[in-house]
């Protein structure tokens, strides 16, 4: 059974930092590209940052220079370090795992990030 368990969300003041974690189980971690998405109520889920099984990374323009995505193969965990947070970053953040061969994808339950001004 595949599980993606996110943690690390919360309330932070503008300019602050948070680190989101996503612990994966039930998958061969090295065979999955991992990503973080965000979603506001009534809006489509959008990519924030991704890290491939190869280690290459990509970021949404809004995340470049402020967010860093990393993955730890020892713990099967992907992280999103978020700095210089702004109220516009407020959303529910979701972890995604996508198999590099068959493209099957899984989602975590989401973690709320709220940035106060």
Protein backbone atom coordinates (compact mmCIF):
# COMPACT_ATOMS: atom_id res chain seq x y z
CA UNK A 1 0.00 0.00 0.00
CA UNK A 2 1.44 3.32 -1.10
CA UNK A 3 1.48 6.09 1.47
CA UNK A 4 2.76 9.63 1.22
CA UNK A 5 2.64 11.36 4.58
CA UNK A 6 3.25 15.09 4.60
CA UNK A 7 4.20 17.17 7.59
CA UNK A 8 5.74 20.51 8.42
CA UNK A 9 2.97 22.87 7.44
CA UNK A 10 1.70 25.56 9.75
CA UNK A 11 1.32 29.24 10.39
CA UNK A 12 4.29 31.52 9.83
CA UNK A 13 4.78 35.25 9.51
CA UNK A 14 5.73 36.88 6.26
CA UNK A 15 9.45 36.50 5.67
CA UNK A 16 9.61 33.30 7.67
CA UNK A 17 10.55 29.77 6.71
CA UNK A 18 9.03 26.32 6.79
CA UNK A 19 10.26 22.91 5.78
CA UNK A 20 7.74 20.44 4.45
CA UNK A 21 8.44 16.72 4.58
CA UNK A 22 6.86 13.87 2.68
CA UNK A 23 7.65 10.36 3.84
CA UNK A 24 6.97 7.72 1.22
CA UNK A 25 6.27 4.05 1.85
CA UNK A 26 5.07 1.19 -0.31
CA UNK A 27 7.09 2.33 -3.32
CA UNK A 28 10.59 1.83 -4.63
CA UNK A 29 11.62 5.41 -3.98
CA UNK A 30 14.38 5.48 -6.58
CA UNK A 31 11.87 4.70 -9.34
CA UNK A 32 9.73 7.74 -8.63
CA UNK A 33 9.93 11.38 -9.53
CA UNK A 34 8.78 13.41 -6.54
CA UNK A 35 7.05 16.77 -6.57
CA UNK A 36 5.31 19.31 -4.45
CA UNK A 37 2.10 20.95 -5.62
CA UNK A 38 -0.11 23.61 -4.13
CA UNK A 39 -3.82 24.18 -4.35
CA UNK A 40 -6.13 26.96 -3.30
CA UNK A 41 -9.87 26.41 -2.83
CA UNK A 42 -11.63 26.32 -6.18
CA UNK A 43 -8.40 26.36 -8.14
CA UNK A 44 -6.37 23.77 -9.98
CA UNK A 45 -3.47 22.10 -8.32
CA UNK A 46 -0.21 23.60 -9.57
CA UNK A 47 3.38 22.47 -9.49
CA UNK A 48 5.70 24.15 -7.02
CA UNK A 49 8.85 22.06 -7.37
CA UNK A 50 9.91 18.67 -8.64
CA UNK A 51 12.92 16.42 -8.26
CA UNK A 52 13.44 13.50 -10.58
CA UNK A 53 14.88 10.13 -9.71
CA UNK A 54 18.01 11.36 -11.46
CA UNK A 55 18.23 14.28 -9.07
CA UNK A 56 17.42 17.02 -11.56
CA UNK A 57 15.09 19.67 -10.23
CA UNK A 58 12.59 22.16 -11.56
CA UNK A 59 10.71 24.98 -9.92
CA UNK A 60 7.75 27.18 -10.57
CA UNK A 61 8.78 30.76 -11.22
CA UNK A 62 7.25 31.80 -7.90
CA UNK A 63 9.45 29.30 -6.06
CA UNK A 64 12.79 29.99 -7.76
CA UNK A 65 15.34 31.46 -5.41
CA UNK A 66 13.18 30.90 -2.35
CA UNK A 67 12.32 27.19 -2.25
CA UNK A 68 14.58 24.16 -2.41
CA UNK A 69 13.46 20.61 -3.04
CA UNK A 70 15.60 17.70 -1.91
CA UNK A 71 15.21 13.98 -1.46
CA UNK A 72 16.75 11.54 0.98
CA UNK A 73 17.01 7.97 -0.25
CA UNK A 74 17.90 6.61 3.19
CA UNK A 75 14.56 7.68 4.64
CA UNK A 76 12.46 7.76 1.44
CA UNK A 77 11.60 11.35 2.17
CA UNK A 78 11.29 14.42 0.00
CA UNK A 79 11.60 17.88 1.48
CA UNK A 80 10.58 21.36 0.46
CA UNK A 81 12.53 24.08 2.22
CA UNK A 82 10.61 27.33 1.88
CA UNK A 83 12.20 30.66 2.73
CA UNK A 84 11.09 34.28 2.49
CA UNK A 85 7.50 33.18 2.63
CA UNK A 86 4.81 35.59 1.56
CA UNK A 87 1.05 35.64 2.17
CA UNK A 88 0.65 34.61 -1.48
CA UNK A 89 2.29 31.29 -0.62
CA UNK A 90 -0.68 30.37 1.56
CA UNK A 91 -2.22 27.15 0.27
CA UNK A 92 -2.53 23.45 0.88
CA UNK A 93 0.66 21.74 -0.28
CA UNK A 94 0.56 18.22 -1.65
CA UNK A 95 3.28 15.66 -2.22
CA UNK A 96 3.20 13.67 -5.45
CA UNK A 97 5.07 10.54 -6.46
CA UNK A 98 5.09 9.46 -10.11
CA UNK A 99 6.57 6.21 -11.35
CA UNK A 100 9.22 6.88 -13.98
CA UNK A 101 8.22 3.82 -16.04
CA UNK A 102 4.45 3.50 -16.00
CA UNK A 103 3.67 7.07 -14.84
CA UNK A 104 1.34 5.85 -12.09
CA UNK A 105 1.01 8.69 -9.61
CA UNK A 106 0.09 9.00 -5.96
CA UNK A 107 -0.82 11.93 -3.74
CA UNK A 108 -0.43 12.72 -0.10
CA UNK A 109 -3.21 14.12 2.03
CA UNK A 110 -1.89 17.68 1.95
CA UNK A 111 -0.52 20.03 4.55
CA UNK A 112 -1.74 23.55 5.14
CA UNK A 113 0.71 26.43 4.85
CA UNK A 114 -0.53 29.80 6.06
CA UNK A 115 1.60 32.93 5.85
CA UNK A 116 0.38 35.97 7.76
CA UNK A 117 1.26 39.50 6.75
